[in-house]
Amino acid sequence: MLSFFKSKKNKAPKKGGSFYHRENLIQTIEELNNMLNQPNSSDITLSNSNILFQGFELDSIVEKNLEDDFGEESFILEPDSNIEDHVVYFYRIVSDYFRFLIQIHFIGDKFFFSATKVYAESLLSLTDKRKVIKQIASKYHPTANDETINFNIKDPLGNMLFTHDDVYYHIKYLPNNQMNKDLKKQYQGFKKADPGEEIKETLNRLI
């Protein structure tokens, strides 16, 4: 995708913090695990080209360089996700009738995930989605047929790009870096707490 970060005239009007809390794609450890393990190996397409995020190699994205590389963020979120040192930088970009909501995730200062939500002032039409899909295919999957909507793409470095189509079109980037390897080990086997047990423990503590 083309980079829109540098043009201030393309910045969208400001939103409040609750908007970004809702839009955050990793709000729990369970969602983190789902993201880390989402691509199904049987559906992966191998690309000859390295996956880029806004023109940058995924292993070159560094928190301290964000302003120089991407400009001023729209919002910085420190989510209550039980994931220590989790920080999300959001950017809202306008290009003609397209809208882009970009989120870049770090733990400490280590990049581990980013995503772009593509939408429009009104409902994103199939024709509009096709423009985005064509851009992805031309870069990473030139043999994709015309009916392709979603992608699970792996580059020569092991980085992943995967998409999800619903009312909006989501493009997600997962670097094959040491941080994600560590996260997989740290949260492997994590099980969501049973709501009944949580309530029981709370009552036991408070009453």
N, C-alpha and C. Protein backbone atom coordinates (compact mmCIF):
# COMPACT_ATOMS: atom_id res chain seq x y z
N MET A 1 0.83 -1.20 0.00
CA MET A 1 0.00 0.00 0.00
C MET A 1 0.87 1.25 0.00
N LEU A 2 0.33 2.32 -0.57
CA LEU A 2 1.06 3.57 -0.60
C LEU A 2 1.07 4.19 0.79
N SER A 3 2.10 4.96 1.09
CA SER A 3 2.18 5.60 2.39
C SER A 3 1.51 6.96 2.35
N PHE A 4 0.58 7.18 3.28
CA PHE A 4 -0.12 8.46 3.38
C PHE A 4 0.32 9.23 4.61
N PHE A 5 1.27 8.70 5.39
CA PHE A 5 1.60 9.29 6.68
C PHE A 5 2.18 10.69 6.55
N LYS A 6 2.94 10.95 5.53
CA LYS A 6 3.70 12.19 5.45
C LYS A 6 2.84 13.41 5.12
N SER A 7 1.67 13.20 4.56
CA SER A 7 0.86 14.34 4.13
C SER A 7 -0.12 14.73 5.23
N LYS A 8 0.10 15.90 5.85
CA LYS A 8 -0.77 16.34 6.94
C LYS A 8 -2.18 16.63 6.46
N LYS A 9 -2.36 16.99 5.22
CA LYS A 9 -3.70 17.29 4.73
C LYS A 9 -4.57 16.04 4.69
N ASN A 10 -3.95 14.86 4.77
CA ASN A 10 -4.70 13.63 4.73
C ASN A 10 -5.06 13.11 6.11
N LYS A 11 -4.72 13.84 7.19
CA LYS A 11 -5.06 13.40 8.53
C LYS A 11 -6.56 13.56 8.77
N ALA A 12 -7.19 12.53 9.37
CA ALA A 12 -8.61 12.59 9.68
C ALA A 12 -8.86 13.39 10.95
N PRO A 13 -10.09 13.89 11.14
CA PRO A 13 -10.43 14.60 12.38
C PRO A 13 -10.22 13.70 13.60
N LYS A 14 -9.97 14.34 14.76
CA LYS A 14 -9.65 13.58 15.95
C LYS A 14 -10.85 12.82 16.50
N LYS A 15 -10.54 11.69 17.16
CA LYS A 15 -11.54 10.88 17.86
C LYS A 15 -11.12 10.77 19.32
N GLY A 16 -12.09 10.43 20.18
CA GLY A 16 -11.81 10.26 21.60
C GLY A 16 -11.18 8.91 21.90
N GLY A 17 -10.66 8.76 23.12
CA GLY A 17 -9.97 7.54 23.52
C GLY A 17 -10.81 6.29 23.45
N SER A 18 -12.13 6.41 23.73
CA SER A 18 -12.99 5.22 23.71
C SER A 18 -13.06 4.60 22.31
N PHE A 19 -12.96 5.43 21.29
CA PHE A 19 -12.95 4.92 19.91
C PHE A 19 -11.77 3.99 19.69
N TYR A 20 -10.61 4.38 20.16
CA TYR A 20 -9.40 3.58 19.94
C TYR A 20 -9.39 2.32 20.80
N HIS A 21 -9.96 2.40 22.00
CA HIS A 21 -10.11 1.20 22.81
C HIS A 21 -10.95 0.15 22.08
N ARG A 22 -12.03 0.59 21.44
CA ARG A 22 -12.88 -0.34 20.70
C ARG A 22 -12.17 -0.91 19.49
N GLU A 23 -11.38 -0.10 18.82
CA GLU A 23 -10.74 -0.52 17.58
C GLU A 23 -9.50 -1.39 17.80
N ASN A 24 -8.95 -1.36 18.99
CA ASN A 24 -7.76 -2.17 19.28
C ASN A 24 -8.04 -3.64 19.02
N LEU A 25 -7.24 -4.28 18.17
CA LEU A 25 -7.46 -5.67 17.79
C LEU A 25 -6.92 -6.68 18.80
N ILE A 26 -6.12 -6.22 19.76
CA ILE A 26 -5.57 -7.13 20.76
C ILE A 26 -5.90 -6.57 22.14
N GLN A 27 -7.06 -6.94 22.65
CA GLN A 27 -7.52 -6.43 23.93
C GLN A 27 -7.32 -7.43 25.07
N THR A 28 -7.02 -8.69 24.73
CA THR A 28 -6.85 -9.73 25.74
C THR A 28 -5.71 -10.66 25.33
N ILE A 29 -5.24 -11.47 26.28
CA ILE A 29 -4.22 -12.48 25.95
C ILE A 29 -4.79 -13.49 24.96
N GLU A 30 -6.06 -13.80 25.10
CA GLU A 30 -6.70 -14.73 24.16
C GLU A 30 -6.63 -14.20 22.74
N GLU A 31 -6.90 -12.91 22.56
CA GLU A 31 -6.83 -12.32 21.22
C GLU A 31 -5.39 -12.27 20.72
N LEU A 32 -4.45 -12.06 21.62
CA LEU A 32 -3.04 -12.12 21.24
C LEU A 32 -2.68 -13.50 20.71
N ASN A 33 -3.08 -14.55 21.43
CA ASN A 33 -2.81 -15.91 20.98
C ASN A 33 -3.47 -16.21 19.64
N ASN A 34 -4.70 -15.75 19.48
CA ASN A 34 -5.40 -15.97 18.20
C ASN A 34 -4.65 -15.32 17.05
N MET A 35 -4.14 -14.12 17.29
CA MET A 35 -3.37 -13.41 16.26
C MET A 35 -2.08 -14.15 15.93
N LEU A 36 -1.36 -14.60 16.96
CA LEU A 36 -0.08 -15.27 16.74
C LEU A 36 -0.24 -16.58 15.99
N ASN A 37 -1.41 -17.22 16.16
CA ASN A 37 -1.63 -18.54 15.57
C ASN A 37 -2.69 -18.55 14.47
N GLN A 38 -3.11 -17.35 14.03
CA GLN A 38 -4.22 -17.27 13.09
C GLN A 38 -3.94 -17.89 11.73
N PRO A 39 -2.83 -17.59 11.09
CA PRO A 39 -2.65 -18.14 9.73
C PRO A 39 -2.62 -19.67 9.73
N ASN A 40 -3.46 -20.25 8.90
CA ASN A 40 -3.51 -21.70 8.76
C ASN A 40 -2.47 -22.14 7.74
N SER A 41 -1.55 -23.01 8.15
CA SER A 41 -0.43 -23.38 7.29
C SER A 41 -0.89 -23.98 5.96
N SER A 42 -2.06 -24.63 5.96
CA SER A 42 -2.54 -25.26 4.74
C SER A 42 -3.02 -24.24 3.71
N ASP A 43 -3.27 -23.01 4.18
CA ASP A 43 -3.81 -21.97 3.29
C ASP A 43 -2.77 -20.91 2.92
N ILE A 44 -1.54 -21.08 3.33
CA ILE A 44 -0.53 -20.04 3.14
C ILE A 44 0.00 -20.03 1.71
N THR A 45 0.11 -18.83 1.16
CA THR A 45 0.74 -18.61 -0.14
C THR A 45 2.14 -18.06 0.10
N LEU A 46 3.14 -18.66 -0.53
CA LEU A 46 4.51 -18.18 -0.39
C LEU A 46 4.79 -17.10 -1.44
N SER A 47 5.30 -15.98 -0.98
CA SER A 47 5.59 -14.86 -1.87
C SER A 47 7.09 -14.76 -2.12
N ASN A 48 7.46 -14.31 -3.30
CA ASN A 48 8.88 -14.07 -3.61
C ASN A 48 9.35 -12.70 -3.11
N SER A 49 8.41 -11.85 -2.75
CA SER A 49 8.74 -10.49 -2.33
C SER A 49 8.61 -10.34 -0.82
N ASN A 50 9.50 -9.56 -0.23
CA ASN A 50 9.38 -9.27 1.20
C ASN A 50 8.15 -8.40 1.47
N ILE A 51 7.44 -8.73 2.53
CA ILE A 51 6.26 -7.95 2.92
C ILE A 51 6.71 -6.62 3.51
N LEU A 52 6.08 -5.55 3.03
CA LEU A 52 6.38 -4.20 3.51
C LEU A 52 5.15 -3.61 4.18
N PHE A 53 5.38 -2.81 5.20
CA PHE A 53 4.31 -2.04 5.83
C PHE A 53 4.58 -0.58 5.59
N GLN A 54 3.74 0.05 4.78
CA GLN A 54 3.92 1.45 4.42
C GLN A 54 5.32 1.72 3.86
N GLY A 55 5.82 0.75 3.09
CA GLY A 55 7.11 0.89 2.43
C GLY A 55 8.30 0.49 3.28
N PHE A 56 8.08 0.06 4.52
CA PHE A 56 9.16 -0.31 5.43
C PHE A 56 9.21 -1.82 5.63
N GLU A 57 10.43 -2.37 5.65
CA GLU A 57 10.60 -3.76 6.07
C GLU A 57 10.08 -3.91 7.50
N LEU A 58 9.45 -5.03 7.80
CA LEU A 58 8.85 -5.19 9.12
C LEU A 58 9.90 -5.16 10.23
N ASP A 59 11.09 -5.66 9.95
CA ASP A 59 12.11 -5.67 11.01
C ASP A 59 12.79 -4.32 11.18
N SER A 60 12.37 -3.31 10.39
CA SER A 60 12.95 -1.97 10.53
C SER A 60 12.04 -1.03 11.32
N ILE A 61 10.87 -1.52 11.75
CA ILE A 61 9.93 -0.67 12.49
C ILE A 61 10.36 -0.60 13.94
N VAL A 62 10.71 0.61 14.39
CA VAL A 62 11.24 0.84 15.74
C VAL A 62 10.43 1.95 16.38
N GLU A 63 10.03 1.75 17.63
CA GLU A 63 9.14 2.70 18.30
C GLU A 63 9.73 4.11 18.32
N LYS A 64 11.00 4.25 18.65
CA LYS A 64 11.59 5.59 18.79
C LYS A 64 11.68 6.33 17.46
N ASN A 65 11.55 5.60 16.33
CA ASN A 65 11.63 6.22 15.02
C ASN A 65 10.26 6.48 14.38
N LEU A 66 9.17 6.18 15.10
CA LEU A 66 7.85 6.27 14.49
C LEU A 66 7.53 7.66 13.96
N GLU A 67 7.82 8.69 14.74
CA GLU A 67 7.47 10.03 14.29
C GLU A 67 8.25 10.42 13.04
N ASP A 68 9.53 10.06 12.98
CA ASP A 68 10.33 10.36 11.79
C ASP A 68 9.83 9.57 10.58
N ASP A 69 9.45 8.32 10.81
CA ASP A 69 9.07 7.45 9.69
C ASP A 69 7.61 7.65 9.27
N PHE A 70 6.71 7.86 10.24
CA PHE A 70 5.28 7.86 9.95
C PHE A 70 4.56 9.17 10.28
N GLY A 71 5.25 10.11 10.90
CA GLY A 71 4.61 11.35 11.28
C GLY A 71 3.94 11.25 12.64
N GLU A 72 3.16 12.27 12.97
CA GLU A 72 2.51 12.33 14.28
C GLU A 72 1.34 11.35 14.35
N GLU A 73 1.28 10.60 15.43
CA GLU A 73 0.20 9.63 15.61
C GLU A 73 -1.12 10.33 15.94
N SER A 74 -2.22 9.64 15.69
CA SER A 74 -3.54 10.16 16.06
C SER A 74 -3.84 9.90 17.53
N PHE A 75 -3.31 8.79 18.05
CA PHE A 75 -3.56 8.42 19.45
C PHE A 75 -2.57 7.36 19.87
N ILE A 76 -2.17 7.41 21.15
CA ILE A 76 -1.36 6.35 21.75
C ILE A 76 -2.20 5.69 22.82
N LEU A 77 -2.39 4.39 22.69
CA LEU A 77 -3.22 3.63 23.61
C LEU A 77 -2.35 2.69 24.45
N GLU A 78 -2.58 2.71 25.75
CA GLU A 78 -1.97 1.73 26.65
C GLU A 78 -3.10 0.85 27.17
N PRO A 79 -3.41 -0.22 26.46
CA PRO A 79 -4.61 -1.00 26.79
C PRO A 79 -4.48 -1.78 28.09
N ASP A 80 -5.63 -2.00 28.73
CA ASP A 80 -5.70 -2.84 29.92
C ASP A 80 -5.92 -4.27 29.46
N SER A 81 -4.86 -4.87 28.90
CA SER A 81 -4.98 -6.17 28.24
C SER A 81 -4.31 -7.30 29.01
N ASN A 82 -3.74 -6.99 30.19
CA ASN A 82 -2.95 -7.97 30.96
C ASN A 82 -1.71 -8.43 30.20
N ILE A 83 -1.33 -7.67 29.18
CA ILE A 83 -0.09 -7.92 28.45
C ILE A 83 0.86 -6.80 28.84
N GLU A 84 1.88 -7.13 29.57
CA GLU A 84 2.76 -6.13 30.16
C GLU A 84 3.44 -5.26 29.10
N ASP A 85 3.44 -3.95 29.32
CA ASP A 85 4.13 -2.96 28.46
C ASP A 85 3.56 -2.90 27.05
N HIS A 86 2.29 -3.26 26.88
CA HIS A 86 1.64 -3.23 25.57
C HIS A 86 1.22 -1.80 25.23
N VAL A 87 1.68 -1.29 24.09
CA VAL A 87 1.36 0.06 23.63
C VAL A 87 0.95 -0.01 22.16
N VAL A 88 -0.08 0.76 21.79
CA VAL A 88 -0.56 0.78 20.41
C VAL A 88 -0.57 2.22 19.89
N TYR A 89 0.06 2.44 18.75
CA TYR A 89 0.03 3.74 18.08
C TYR A 89 -0.99 3.68 16.95
N PHE A 90 -1.91 4.63 16.95
CA PHE A 90 -2.96 4.69 15.93
C PHE A 90 -2.73 5.88 15.00
N TYR A 91 -3.08 5.65 13.73
CA TYR A 91 -3.05 6.71 12.71
C TYR A 91 -4.35 6.62 11.91
N ARG A 92 -5.02 7.74 11.76
CA ARG A 92 -6.23 7.80 10.93
C ARG A 92 -5.91 8.65 9.71
N ILE A 93 -6.07 8.04 8.54
CA ILE A 93 -5.65 8.66 7.28
C ILE A 93 -6.83 8.71 6.32
N VAL A 94 -6.93 9.83 5.58
CA VAL A 94 -7.96 9.99 4.56
C VAL A 94 -7.28 10.14 3.20
N SER A 95 -7.76 9.40 2.21
CA SER A 95 -7.29 9.55 0.83
C SER A 95 -8.49 9.47 -0.09
N ASP A 96 -8.91 10.62 -0.60
CA ASP A 96 -10.12 10.71 -1.40
C ASP A 96 -11.29 10.18 -0.55
N TYR A 97 -12.02 9.17 -1.05
CA TYR A 97 -13.14 8.64 -0.27
C TYR A 97 -12.73 7.44 0.58
N PHE A 98 -11.47 7.00 0.49
CA PHE A 98 -10.97 5.91 1.33
C PHE A 98 -10.60 6.45 2.71
N ARG A 99 -10.82 5.60 3.72
CA ARG A 99 -10.38 5.87 5.08
C ARG A 99 -9.50 4.71 5.53
N PHE A 100 -8.42 5.04 6.23
CA PHE A 100 -7.50 4.02 6.73
C PHE A 100 -7.29 4.23 8.23
N LEU A 101 -7.55 3.19 9.01
CA LEU A 101 -7.23 3.22 10.43
C LEU A 101 -6.09 2.24 10.66
N ILE A 102 -4.95 2.78 11.05
CA ILE A 102 -3.72 1.99 11.15
C ILE A 102 -3.35 1.86 12.62
N GLN A 103 -2.99 0.66 13.04
CA GLN A 103 -2.53 0.44 14.41
C GLN A 103 -1.22 -0.33 14.38
N ILE A 104 -0.26 0.15 15.19
CA ILE A 104 1.08 -0.45 15.26
C ILE A 104 1.33 -0.81 16.72
N HIS A 105 1.57 -2.09 16.99
CA HIS A 105 1.65 -2.61 18.36
C HIS A 105 3.09 -2.89 18.77
N PHE A 106 3.38 -2.51 20.02
CA PHE A 106 4.69 -2.77 20.62
C PHE A 106 4.50 -3.38 22.01
N ILE A 107 5.47 -4.17 22.42
CA ILE A 107 5.62 -4.55 23.82
C ILE A 107 6.99 -4.06 24.24
N GLY A 108 6.99 -3.17 25.27
CA GLY A 108 8.22 -2.43 25.52
C GLY A 108 8.46 -1.56 24.30
N ASP A 109 9.61 -1.68 23.69
CA ASP A 109 9.87 -0.95 22.45
C ASP A 109 9.98 -1.89 21.25
N LYS A 110 9.47 -3.12 21.41
CA LYS A 110 9.61 -4.13 20.37
C LYS A 110 8.32 -4.26 19.55
N PHE A 111 8.43 -4.07 18.26
CA PHE A 111 7.28 -4.20 17.35
C PHE A 111 6.88 -5.66 17.21
N PHE A 112 5.53 -5.92 17.26
CA PHE A 112 5.11 -7.32 17.08
C PHE A 112 3.87 -7.49 16.20
N PHE A 113 3.18 -6.40 15.85
CA PHE A 113 1.96 -6.57 15.05
C PHE A 113 1.52 -5.21 14.54
N SER A 114 0.94 -5.19 13.33
CA SER A 114 0.29 -3.99 12.83
C SER A 114 -0.89 -4.38 11.96
N ALA A 115 -1.78 -3.43 11.76
CA ALA A 115 -2.97 -3.72 10.96
C ALA A 115 -3.49 -2.43 10.34
N THR A 116 -4.14 -2.58 9.20
CA THR A 116 -4.80 -1.47 8.52
C THR A 116 -6.25 -1.86 8.26
N LYS A 117 -7.16 -1.04 8.74
CA LYS A 117 -8.59 -1.20 8.46
C LYS A 117 -8.94 -0.23 7.33
N VAL A 118 -9.46 -0.77 6.24
CA VAL A 118 -9.83 0.04 5.08
C VAL A 118 -11.34 0.19 5.05
N TYR A 119 -11.81 1.44 4.98
CA TYR A 119 -13.25 1.66 4.93
C TYR A 119 -13.52 2.92 4.12
N ALA A 120 -14.75 3.38 4.12
CA ALA A 120 -15.12 4.56 3.33
C ALA A 120 -16.13 5.37 4.12
N GLU A 121 -16.49 6.55 3.60
CA GLU A 121 -17.48 7.38 4.27
C GLU A 121 -18.79 6.63 4.40
N SER A 122 -19.17 5.92 3.36
CA SER A 122 -20.33 5.05 3.41
C SER A 122 -19.81 3.61 3.37
N LEU A 123 -20.65 2.66 3.09
CA LEU A 123 -20.25 1.25 3.05
C LEU A 123 -19.19 1.02 1.99
N LEU A 124 -18.13 0.28 2.35
CA LEU A 124 -17.07 -0.02 1.39
C LEU A 124 -17.61 -0.98 0.34
N SER A 125 -17.64 -0.54 -0.91
CA SER A 125 -18.22 -1.35 -1.98
C SER A 125 -17.26 -2.45 -2.43
N LEU A 126 -17.79 -3.44 -3.12
CA LEU A 126 -16.96 -4.52 -3.65
C LEU A 126 -15.94 -3.96 -4.63
N THR A 127 -16.32 -2.96 -5.40
CA THR A 127 -15.39 -2.33 -6.34
C THR A 127 -14.23 -1.69 -5.60
N ASP A 128 -14.52 -1.02 -4.48
CA ASP A 128 -13.46 -0.41 -3.68
C ASP A 128 -12.55 -1.48 -3.07
N LYS A 129 -13.15 -2.56 -2.58
CA LYS A 129 -12.36 -3.65 -2.02
C LYS A 129 -11.45 -4.25 -3.09
N ARG A 130 -11.96 -4.36 -4.30
CA ARG A 130 -11.16 -4.93 -5.39
C ARG A 130 -9.91 -4.10 -5.67
N LYS A 131 -10.01 -2.79 -5.49
CA LYS A 131 -8.84 -1.93 -5.70
C LYS A 131 -7.75 -2.26 -4.68
N VAL A 132 -8.17 -2.48 -3.43
CA VAL A 132 -7.21 -2.83 -2.38
C VAL A 132 -6.64 -4.22 -2.62
N ILE A 133 -7.52 -5.16 -2.95
CA ILE A 133 -7.11 -6.55 -3.20
C ILE A 133 -6.13 -6.62 -4.37
N LYS A 134 -6.39 -5.85 -5.42
CA LYS A 134 -5.51 -5.83 -6.58
C LYS A 134 -4.13 -5.33 -6.22
N GLN A 135 -4.07 -4.34 -5.31
CA GLN A 135 -2.78 -3.81 -4.87
C GLN A 135 -1.98 -4.87 -4.12
N ILE A 136 -2.65 -5.61 -3.22
CA ILE A 136 -1.97 -6.67 -2.47
C ILE A 136 -1.50 -7.76 -3.41
N ALA A 137 -2.38 -8.19 -4.32
CA ALA A 137 -2.04 -9.27 -5.25
C ALA A 137 -0.87 -8.89 -6.15
N SER A 138 -0.84 -7.66 -6.62
CA SER A 138 0.24 -7.24 -7.54
C SER A 138 1.60 -7.28 -6.85
N LYS A 139 1.61 -7.06 -5.54
CA LYS A 139 2.88 -7.05 -4.80
C LYS A 139 3.32 -8.44 -4.39
N TYR A 140 2.35 -9.26 -3.93
CA TYR A 140 2.74 -10.49 -3.24
C TYR A 140 2.15 -11.77 -3.82
N HIS A 141 1.11 -11.66 -4.64
CA HIS A 141 0.47 -12.88 -5.15
C HIS A 141 -0.08 -12.62 -6.56
N PRO A 142 0.82 -12.38 -7.54
CA PRO A 142 0.37 -11.99 -8.88
C PRO A 142 -0.44 -13.05 -9.61
N THR A 143 -0.40 -14.31 -9.14
CA THR A 143 -1.17 -15.36 -9.81
C THR A 143 -2.54 -15.55 -9.17
N ALA A 144 -2.91 -14.73 -8.20
CA ALA A 144 -4.23 -14.84 -7.57
C ALA A 144 -5.33 -14.65 -8.61
N ASN A 145 -6.39 -15.46 -8.51
CA ASN A 145 -7.48 -15.30 -9.47
C ASN A 145 -8.37 -14.11 -9.11
N ASP A 146 -9.24 -13.76 -10.02
CA ASP A 146 -10.05 -12.55 -9.86
C ASP A 146 -11.07 -12.65 -8.73
N GLU A 147 -11.34 -13.88 -8.27
CA GLU A 147 -12.32 -14.07 -7.21
C GLU A 147 -11.70 -14.02 -5.81
N THR A 148 -10.38 -13.91 -5.75
CA THR A 148 -9.70 -13.89 -4.45
C THR A 148 -10.13 -12.67 -3.63
N ILE A 149 -10.50 -12.92 -2.38
CA ILE A 149 -10.88 -11.85 -1.46
C ILE A 149 -9.87 -11.76 -0.32
N ASN A 150 -9.55 -12.91 0.28
CA ASN A 150 -8.67 -12.94 1.44
C ASN A 150 -7.34 -13.59 1.12
N PHE A 151 -6.32 -13.19 1.86
CA PHE A 151 -4.96 -13.69 1.66
C PHE A 151 -4.35 -14.16 2.98
N ASN A 152 -3.54 -15.22 2.89
CA ASN A 152 -2.60 -15.62 3.93
C ASN A 152 -1.25 -15.76 3.23
N ILE A 153 -0.40 -14.75 3.35
CA ILE A 153 0.83 -14.70 2.57
C ILE A 153 2.04 -14.72 3.50
N LYS A 154 3.03 -15.52 3.12
CA LYS A 154 4.29 -15.62 3.87
C LYS A 154 5.43 -15.24 2.95
N ASP A 155 6.32 -14.35 3.44
CA ASP A 155 7.42 -13.91 2.58
C ASP A 155 8.68 -14.74 2.85
N PRO A 156 9.77 -14.51 2.10
CA PRO A 156 10.99 -15.32 2.29
C PRO A 156 11.61 -15.22 3.68
N LEU A 157 11.25 -14.16 4.44
CA LEU A 157 11.79 -13.98 5.79
C LEU A 157 10.89 -14.59 6.85
N GLY A 158 9.75 -15.15 6.43
CA GLY A 158 8.81 -15.74 7.38
C GLY A 158 7.78 -14.77 7.91
N ASN A 159 7.79 -13.51 7.45
CA ASN A 159 6.78 -12.54 7.85
C ASN A 159 5.44 -12.90 7.20
N MET A 160 4.34 -12.52 7.87
CA MET A 160 3.02 -12.87 7.38
C MET A 160 2.19 -11.63 7.09
N LEU A 161 1.37 -11.72 6.05
CA LEU A 161 0.31 -10.76 5.78
C LEU A 161 -0.96 -11.57 5.62
N PHE A 162 -1.99 -11.23 6.41
CA PHE A 162 -3.26 -11.93 6.25
C PHE A 162 -4.39 -10.93 6.35
N THR A 163 -5.49 -11.23 5.68
CA THR A 163 -6.58 -10.28 5.56
C THR A 163 -7.88 -10.89 6.06
N HIS A 164 -8.81 -10.00 6.37
CA HIS A 164 -10.15 -10.41 6.81
C HIS A 164 -11.16 -9.45 6.21
N ASP A 165 -12.16 -10.02 5.55
CA ASP A 165 -13.17 -9.21 4.88
C ASP A 165 -14.51 -9.33 5.60
N ASP A 166 -15.03 -8.20 6.08
CA ASP A 166 -16.41 -8.17 6.56
C ASP A 166 -17.01 -6.85 6.06
N VAL A 167 -17.63 -6.09 6.91
CA VAL A 167 -18.10 -4.76 6.48
C VAL A 167 -16.92 -3.90 6.05
N TYR A 168 -15.80 -4.06 6.75
CA TYR A 168 -14.56 -3.39 6.42
C TYR A 168 -13.56 -4.42 5.91
N TYR A 169 -12.43 -3.92 5.38
CA TYR A 169 -11.38 -4.82 4.91
C TYR A 169 -10.15 -4.61 5.78
N HIS A 170 -9.71 -5.69 6.45
CA HIS A 170 -8.60 -5.62 7.39
C HIS A 170 -7.36 -6.29 6.79
N ILE A 171 -6.23 -5.61 6.88
CA ILE A 171 -4.95 -6.16 6.44
C ILE A 171 -4.04 -6.21 7.66
N LYS A 172 -3.54 -7.39 7.99
CA LYS A 172 -2.77 -7.58 9.23
C LYS A 172 -1.36 -8.05 8.88
N TYR A 173 -0.40 -7.56 9.66
CA TYR A 173 1.02 -7.82 9.42
C TYR A 173 1.63 -8.43 10.68
N LEU A 174 2.25 -9.58 10.50
CA LEU A 174 2.84 -10.30 11.63
C LEU A 174 4.31 -10.58 11.33
N PRO A 175 5.24 -9.87 11.98
CA PRO A 175 6.66 -10.09 11.69
C PRO A 175 7.16 -11.39 12.30
N ASN A 176 8.08 -12.00 11.61
CA ASN A 176 8.73 -13.22 12.12
C ASN A 176 9.97 -12.78 12.90
N ASN A 177 9.72 -12.22 14.09
CA ASN A 177 10.83 -11.69 14.87
C ASN A 177 10.92 -12.38 16.23
N GLN A 178 11.96 -12.04 16.97
CA GLN A 178 12.19 -12.71 18.26
C GLN A 178 11.08 -12.40 19.24
N MET A 179 10.51 -11.20 19.18
CA MET A 179 9.43 -10.85 20.10
C MET A 179 8.25 -11.79 19.95
N ASN A 180 7.85 -12.07 18.72
CA ASN A 180 6.70 -12.96 18.53
C ASN A 180 7.02 -14.41 18.90
N LYS A 181 8.26 -14.81 18.69
CA LYS A 181 8.66 -16.15 19.16
C LYS A 181 8.59 -16.24 20.67
N ASP A 182 9.02 -15.17 21.35
CA ASP A 182 8.96 -15.14 22.82
C ASP A 182 7.52 -15.11 23.31
N LEU A 183 6.66 -14.36 22.62
CA LEU A 183 5.25 -14.29 23.02
C LEU A 183 4.56 -15.64 22.89
N LYS A 184 4.88 -16.36 21.83
CA LYS A 184 4.28 -17.68 21.65
C LYS A 184 4.66 -18.61 22.80
N LYS A 185 5.92 -18.55 23.20
CA LYS A 185 6.38 -19.39 24.31
C LYS A 185 5.74 -18.95 25.63
N GLN A 186 5.68 -17.63 25.83
CA GLN A 186 5.18 -17.10 27.09
C GLN A 186 3.71 -17.44 27.32
N TYR A 187 2.91 -17.37 26.25
CA TYR A 187 1.47 -17.54 26.42
C TYR A 187 0.95 -18.87 25.86
N GLN A 188 1.85 -19.77 25.51
CA GLN A 188 1.45 -21.09 25.02
C GLN A 188 0.64 -21.81 26.11
N GLY A 189 -0.50 -22.34 25.72
CA GLY A 189 -1.32 -23.06 26.67
C GLY A 189 -2.18 -22.18 27.55
N PHE A 190 -2.18 -20.86 27.30
CA PHE A 190 -3.01 -19.96 28.09
C PHE A 190 -4.47 -20.30 27.90
N LYS A 191 -5.21 -20.37 29.02
CA LYS A 191 -6.64 -20.65 28.97
C LYS A 191 -7.40 -19.49 29.61
N LYS A 192 -8.44 -19.08 28.92
CA LYS A 192 -9.27 -18.00 29.44
C LYS A 192 -9.92 -18.44 30.74
N ALA A 193 -9.89 -17.55 31.73
CA ALA A 193 -10.47 -17.87 33.03
C ALA A 193 -11.98 -18.11 32.91
N ASP A 194 -12.47 -19.09 33.64
CA ASP A 194 -13.90 -19.37 33.66
C ASP A 194 -14.63 -18.23 34.38
N PRO A 195 -15.63 -17.61 33.74
CA PRO A 195 -16.32 -16.48 34.37
C PRO A 195 -16.90 -16.83 35.73
N GLY A 196 -17.41 -18.06 35.87
CA GLY A 196 -17.97 -18.48 37.16
C GLY A 196 -16.93 -18.51 38.25
N GLU A 197 -15.73 -18.96 37.92
CA GLU A 197 -14.65 -18.99 38.90
C GLU A 197 -14.19 -17.59 39.27
N GLU A 198 -14.17 -16.69 38.27
CA GLU A 198 -13.78 -15.31 38.55
C GLU A 198 -14.76 -14.66 39.53
N ILE A 199 -16.05 -14.88 39.31
CA ILE A 199 -17.07 -14.31 40.20
C ILE A 199 -16.93 -14.90 41.60
N LYS A 200 -16.70 -16.22 41.66
CA LYS A 200 -16.55 -16.89 42.95
C LYS A 200 -15.37 -16.32 43.72
N GLU A 201 -14.24 -16.12 43.03
CA GLU A 201 -13.05 -15.58 43.70
C GLU A 201 -13.29 -14.14 44.16
N THR A 202 -14.00 -13.35 43.34
CA THR A 202 -14.29 -11.96 43.69
C THR A 202 -15.17 -11.89 44.92
N LEU A 203 -16.23 -12.71 44.95
CA LEU A 203 -17.12 -12.73 46.11
C LEU A 203 -16.39 -13.18 47.36
N ASN A 204 -15.52 -14.18 47.20
CA ASN A 204 -14.78 -14.70 48.34
C ASN A 204 -13.85 -13.64 48.92
N ARG A 205 -13.29 -12.79 48.03
CA ARG A 205 -12.37 -11.76 48.46
C ARG A 205 -13.09 -10.57 49.09
N LEU A 206 -14.26 -10.25 48.59
CA LEU A 206 -14.93 -9.01 49.01
C LEU A 206 -15.97 -9.21 50.12
N ILE A 207 -16.40 -10.43 50.33
CA ILE A 207 -17.46 -10.64 51.33
C ILE A 207 -16.94 -11.52 52.48
